Amino acid sequence: MDAKRLAKIMKALSNENRLALYLEIAKQEESDFERPPCNVSEIVSMLRLSAPTISHHLKELSNADLIVTEKRGKYLVARINKETLAEVQGLLAGIEGSR
């Protein structure tokens, strides 16, 4: 992973609301394997942010390749991009291992 891409990812997660949104998507995805990916309308009520604000943060997370979104009927669902997560985890583990 190059520095420019990592900076984009870190910038996306540096906003408190975006980080909370990302963690909520991850938590819902992890909590129940039988459930479909995270329904965005559920998150709006959980985080007490307006739909336009959530939409903006989802776009930023998606642009950083941290999440994948798709329409399912009238709902937008989001899930963690596991490839990006694995890359970041590997990079951070490499930093930790070099200490």
N, C-alpha and C. Protein backbone atom coordinates (compact mmCIF):
# COMPACT_ATOMS: atom_id res chain seq x y z
N MET A 1 0.86 -1.17 0.00
CA MET A 1 0.00 0.00 0.00
C MET A 1 0.90 1.23 0.00
N ASP A 2 0.60 2.16 -0.91
CA ASP A 2 1.43 3.36 -0.97
C ASP A 2 0.97 4.40 0.05
N ALA A 3 1.83 5.37 0.30
CA ALA A 3 1.57 6.38 1.33
C ALA A 3 0.34 7.22 1.01
N LYS A 4 0.11 7.51 -0.26
CA LYS A 4 -1.05 8.33 -0.65
C LYS A 4 -2.36 7.62 -0.30
N ARG A 5 -2.42 6.33 -0.59
CA ARG A 5 -3.64 5.56 -0.29
C ARG A 5 -3.84 5.44 1.22
N LEU A 6 -2.77 5.18 1.94
CA LEU A 6 -2.87 5.08 3.40
C LEU A 6 -3.32 6.41 4.00
N ALA A 7 -2.80 7.52 3.49
CA ALA A 7 -3.21 8.83 3.99
C ALA A 7 -4.70 9.07 3.76
N LYS A 8 -5.21 8.63 2.61
CA LYS A 8 -6.64 8.78 2.31
C LYS A 8 -7.49 7.97 3.29
N ILE A 9 -7.04 6.77 3.60
CA ILE A 9 -7.75 5.91 4.55
C ILE A 9 -7.73 6.54 5.94
N MET A 10 -6.56 6.97 6.38
CA MET A 10 -6.45 7.56 7.71
C MET A 10 -7.25 8.86 7.81
N LYS A 11 -7.25 9.64 6.74
CA LYS A 11 -8.03 10.88 6.74
C LYS A 11 -9.52 10.57 6.87
N ALA A 12 -9.98 9.54 6.17
CA ALA A 12 -11.39 9.16 6.25
C ALA A 12 -11.77 8.74 7.67
N LEU A 13 -10.87 8.07 8.35
CA LEU A 13 -11.16 7.59 9.70
C LEU A 13 -10.86 8.63 10.78
N SER A 14 -10.27 9.75 10.40
CA SER A 14 -9.91 10.77 11.39
C SER A 14 -11.11 11.58 11.88
N ASN A 15 -12.22 11.52 11.14
CA ASN A 15 -13.43 12.20 11.57
C ASN A 15 -14.17 11.32 12.57
N GLU A 16 -14.53 11.88 13.71
CA GLU A 16 -15.16 11.10 14.79
C GLU A 16 -16.46 10.42 14.34
N ASN A 17 -17.29 11.14 13.59
CA ASN A 17 -18.56 10.56 13.13
C ASN A 17 -18.33 9.45 12.11
N ARG A 18 -17.36 9.65 11.21
CA ARG A 18 -17.06 8.61 10.22
C ARG A 18 -16.49 7.37 10.89
N LEU A 19 -15.63 7.57 11.88
CA LEU A 19 -15.08 6.44 12.61
C LEU A 19 -16.19 5.68 13.33
N ALA A 20 -17.10 6.40 13.96
CA ALA A 20 -18.24 5.76 14.64
C ALA A 20 -19.10 4.98 13.63
N LEU A 21 -19.32 5.56 12.47
CA LEU A 21 -20.09 4.90 11.42
C LEU A 21 -19.39 3.63 10.96
N TYR A 22 -18.09 3.72 10.71
CA TYR A 22 -17.31 2.56 10.28
C TYR A 22 -17.35 1.45 11.33
N LEU A 23 -17.16 1.82 12.58
CA LEU A 23 -17.18 0.83 13.66
C LEU A 23 -18.56 0.19 13.81
N GLU A 24 -19.61 0.97 13.61
CA GLU A 24 -20.97 0.43 13.70
C GLU A 24 -21.23 -0.57 12.57
N ILE A 25 -20.78 -0.24 11.38
CA ILE A 25 -20.93 -1.17 10.25
C ILE A 25 -20.17 -2.46 10.56
N ALA A 26 -18.96 -2.34 11.06
CA ALA A 26 -18.16 -3.52 11.40
C ALA A 26 -18.83 -4.34 12.50
N LYS A 27 -19.36 -3.65 13.51
CA LYS A 27 -20.00 -4.34 14.64
C LYS A 27 -21.23 -5.11 14.18
N GLN A 28 -22.06 -4.48 13.37
CA GLN A 28 -23.27 -5.15 12.89
C GLN A 28 -22.93 -6.32 11.98
N GLU A 29 -21.91 -6.16 11.19
CA GLU A 29 -21.50 -7.22 10.28
C GLU A 29 -20.96 -8.42 11.06
N GLU A 30 -20.23 -8.15 12.14
CA GLU A 30 -19.61 -9.20 12.94
C GLU A 30 -20.61 -9.90 13.86
N SER A 31 -21.63 -9.17 14.31
CA SER A 31 -22.52 -9.69 15.34
C SER A 31 -23.43 -10.81 14.86
N ASP A 32 -23.77 -10.83 13.58
CA ASP A 32 -24.72 -11.82 13.11
C ASP A 32 -24.42 -12.18 11.66
N PHE A 33 -23.86 -13.36 11.46
CA PHE A 33 -23.50 -13.78 10.12
C PHE A 33 -24.72 -14.06 9.26
N GLU A 34 -25.86 -14.32 9.88
CA GLU A 34 -27.08 -14.62 9.14
C GLU A 34 -27.72 -13.36 8.56
N ARG A 35 -27.45 -12.22 9.19
CA ARG A 35 -28.03 -10.96 8.72
C ARG A 35 -27.38 -10.51 7.43
N PRO A 36 -28.15 -9.78 6.62
CA PRO A 36 -27.52 -9.15 5.46
C PRO A 36 -26.59 -8.05 5.93
N PRO A 37 -25.79 -7.50 5.03
CA PRO A 37 -24.92 -6.39 5.45
C PRO A 37 -25.72 -5.26 6.08
N CYS A 38 -25.04 -4.37 6.73
CA CYS A 38 -25.64 -3.30 7.52
C CYS A 38 -26.59 -2.43 6.71
N ASN A 39 -27.81 -2.30 7.21
CA ASN A 39 -28.83 -1.44 6.60
C ASN A 39 -28.57 -0.02 7.08
N VAL A 40 -28.34 0.89 6.15
CA VAL A 40 -27.96 2.25 6.49
C VAL A 40 -29.06 2.98 7.25
N SER A 41 -30.31 2.70 6.96
CA SER A 41 -31.40 3.38 7.67
C SER A 41 -31.38 3.05 9.16
N GLU A 42 -30.90 1.87 9.53
CA GLU A 42 -30.76 1.52 10.95
C GLU A 42 -29.68 2.38 11.62
N ILE A 43 -28.63 2.65 10.89
CA ILE A 43 -27.52 3.42 11.44
C ILE A 43 -27.91 4.87 11.69
N VAL A 44 -28.75 5.42 10.81
CA VAL A 44 -29.18 6.81 10.97
C VAL A 44 -29.77 7.02 12.35
N SER A 45 -30.64 6.11 12.78
CA SER A 45 -31.26 6.25 14.10
C SER A 45 -30.28 5.95 15.23
N MET A 46 -29.36 5.03 15.03
CA MET A 46 -28.40 4.68 16.08
C MET A 46 -27.42 5.81 16.38
N LEU A 47 -26.91 6.43 15.33
CA LEU A 47 -25.88 7.46 15.51
C LEU A 47 -26.46 8.85 15.70
N ARG A 48 -27.76 8.98 15.52
CA ARG A 48 -28.45 10.27 15.69
C ARG A 48 -27.83 11.36 14.82
N LEU A 49 -27.54 10.99 13.59
CA LEU A 49 -27.07 11.95 12.60
C LEU A 49 -28.10 11.99 11.48
N SER A 50 -28.16 13.10 10.78
CA SER A 50 -29.13 13.22 9.69
C SER A 50 -28.75 12.31 8.53
N ALA A 51 -29.73 11.96 7.73
CA ALA A 51 -29.48 11.11 6.57
C ALA A 51 -28.47 11.74 5.61
N PRO A 52 -28.55 13.06 5.32
CA PRO A 52 -27.53 13.65 4.44
C PRO A 52 -26.11 13.56 5.03
N THR A 53 -26.00 13.71 6.34
CA THR A 53 -24.69 13.61 6.99
C THR A 53 -24.15 12.19 6.88
N ILE A 54 -25.00 11.21 7.15
CA ILE A 54 -24.60 9.80 7.01
C ILE A 54 -24.19 9.53 5.56
N SER A 55 -24.97 10.03 4.62
CA SER A 55 -24.67 9.83 3.21
C SER A 55 -23.29 10.38 2.85
N HIS A 56 -22.99 11.57 3.35
CA HIS A 56 -21.68 12.17 3.10
C HIS A 56 -20.56 11.30 3.68
N HIS A 57 -20.74 10.85 4.91
CA HIS A 57 -19.71 10.03 5.55
C HIS A 57 -19.55 8.68 4.84
N LEU A 58 -20.66 8.10 4.40
CA LEU A 58 -20.58 6.84 3.65
C LEU A 58 -19.79 7.03 2.36
N LYS A 59 -20.02 8.16 1.69
CA LYS A 59 -19.29 8.45 0.45
C LYS A 59 -17.79 8.56 0.73
N GLU A 60 -17.42 9.24 1.80
CA GLU A 60 -16.00 9.38 2.15
C GLU A 60 -15.38 8.02 2.48
N LEU A 61 -16.10 7.19 3.23
CA LEU A 61 -15.59 5.85 3.56
C LEU A 61 -15.47 4.99 2.31
N SER A 62 -16.43 5.11 1.43
CA SER A 62 -16.41 4.36 0.18
C SER A 62 -15.28 4.83 -0.73
N ASN A 63 -15.08 6.14 -0.82
CA ASN A 63 -13.99 6.69 -1.64
C ASN A 63 -12.62 6.25 -1.14
N ALA A 64 -12.51 5.97 0.14
CA ALA A 64 -11.26 5.48 0.72
C ALA A 64 -11.17 3.95 0.66
N ASP A 65 -12.14 3.32 0.01
CA ASP A 65 -12.21 1.85 -0.12
C ASP A 65 -12.34 1.13 1.22
N LEU A 66 -12.87 1.82 2.22
CA LEU A 66 -13.06 1.19 3.53
C LEU A 66 -14.35 0.40 3.60
N ILE A 67 -15.35 0.80 2.82
CA ILE A 67 -16.63 0.09 2.79
C ILE A 67 -17.08 -0.10 1.35
N VAL A 68 -18.03 -1.01 1.20
CA VAL A 68 -18.70 -1.24 -0.08
C VAL A 68 -20.18 -1.05 0.19
N THR A 69 -20.85 -0.28 -0.66
CA THR A 69 -22.29 -0.07 -0.50
C THR A 69 -23.02 -0.59 -1.73
N GLU A 70 -24.26 -0.99 -1.52
CA GLU A 70 -25.10 -1.42 -2.64
C GLU A 70 -26.56 -1.21 -2.29
N LYS A 71 -27.35 -1.00 -3.33
CA LYS A 71 -28.80 -0.85 -3.13
C LYS A 71 -29.42 -2.24 -3.11
N ARG A 72 -30.30 -2.45 -2.15
CA ARG A 72 -31.11 -3.68 -2.10
C ARG A 72 -32.55 -3.23 -1.96
N GLY A 73 -33.23 -3.21 -3.08
CA GLY A 73 -34.59 -2.67 -3.07
C GLY A 73 -34.52 -1.19 -2.78
N LYS A 74 -35.27 -0.77 -1.78
CA LYS A 74 -35.25 0.65 -1.42
C LYS A 74 -34.20 0.98 -0.36
N TYR A 75 -33.44 0.00 0.06
CA TYR A 75 -32.45 0.19 1.12
C TYR A 75 -31.02 0.23 0.56
N LEU A 76 -30.18 0.97 1.25
CA LEU A 76 -28.76 0.97 0.97
C LEU A 76 -28.10 0.15 2.08
N VAL A 77 -27.30 -0.81 1.67
CA VAL A 77 -26.59 -1.62 2.67
C VAL A 77 -25.09 -1.37 2.51
N ALA A 78 -24.38 -1.49 3.62
CA ALA A 78 -22.94 -1.25 3.62
C ALA A 78 -22.25 -2.41 4.31
N ARG A 79 -21.06 -2.71 3.82
CA ARG A 79 -20.24 -3.73 4.48
C ARG A 79 -18.78 -3.29 4.42
N ILE A 80 -18.01 -3.82 5.33
CA ILE A 80 -16.59 -3.51 5.40
C ILE A 80 -15.88 -4.11 4.19
N ASN A 81 -14.96 -3.37 3.61
CA ASN A 81 -14.12 -3.89 2.54
C ASN A 81 -12.99 -4.68 3.22
N LYS A 82 -13.14 -5.98 3.23
CA LYS A 82 -12.20 -6.85 3.96
C LYS A 82 -10.78 -6.77 3.39
N GLU A 83 -10.65 -6.56 2.08
CA GLU A 83 -9.32 -6.48 1.49
C GLU A 83 -8.55 -5.26 2.02
N THR A 84 -9.23 -4.12 2.05
CA THR A 84 -8.58 -2.91 2.56
C THR A 84 -8.25 -3.07 4.04
N LEU A 85 -9.18 -3.63 4.80
CA LEU A 85 -8.94 -3.86 6.22
C LEU A 85 -7.71 -4.74 6.43
N ALA A 86 -7.60 -5.80 5.66
CA ALA A 86 -6.46 -6.71 5.78
C ALA A 86 -5.15 -6.00 5.42
N GLU A 87 -5.18 -5.14 4.40
CA GLU A 87 -3.98 -4.40 4.02
C GLU A 87 -3.52 -3.47 5.14
N VAL A 88 -4.47 -2.75 5.73
CA VAL A 88 -4.14 -1.82 6.81
C VAL A 88 -3.63 -2.59 8.03
N GLN A 89 -4.30 -3.70 8.36
CA GLN A 89 -3.85 -4.51 9.49
C GLN A 89 -2.44 -5.03 9.25
N GLY A 90 -2.17 -5.49 8.04
CA GLY A 90 -0.83 -5.99 7.72
C GLY A 90 0.22 -4.90 7.82
N LEU A 91 -0.11 -3.72 7.35
CA LEU A 91 0.82 -2.60 7.42
C LEU A 91 1.11 -2.23 8.87
N LEU A 92 0.06 -2.14 9.68
CA LEU A 92 0.24 -1.79 11.09
C LEU A 92 1.00 -2.88 11.84
N ALA A 93 0.73 -4.14 11.51
CA ALA A 93 1.47 -5.24 12.14
C ALA A 93 2.95 -5.17 11.77
N GLY A 94 3.23 -4.77 10.53
CA GLY A 94 4.62 -4.63 10.09
C GLY A 94 5.33 -3.52 10.85
N ILE A 95 4.62 -2.44 11.11
CA ILE A 95 5.20 -1.34 11.89
C ILE A 95 5.48 -1.81 13.31
N GLU A 96 4.52 -2.52 13.89
CA GLU A 96 4.68 -3.03 15.26
C GLU A 96 5.84 -4.02 15.32
N GLY A 97 5.94 -4.87 14.30
CA GLY A 97 6.99 -5.88 14.28
C GLY A 97 8.39 -5.32 14.10
N SER A 98 8.48 -4.12 13.53
CA SER A 98 9.80 -3.54 13.28
C SER A 98 10.34 -2.75 14.47
N ARG A 99 9.56 -2.67 15.54
CA ARG A 99 10.00 -1.91 16.73
C ARG A 99 10.96 -2.69 17.56
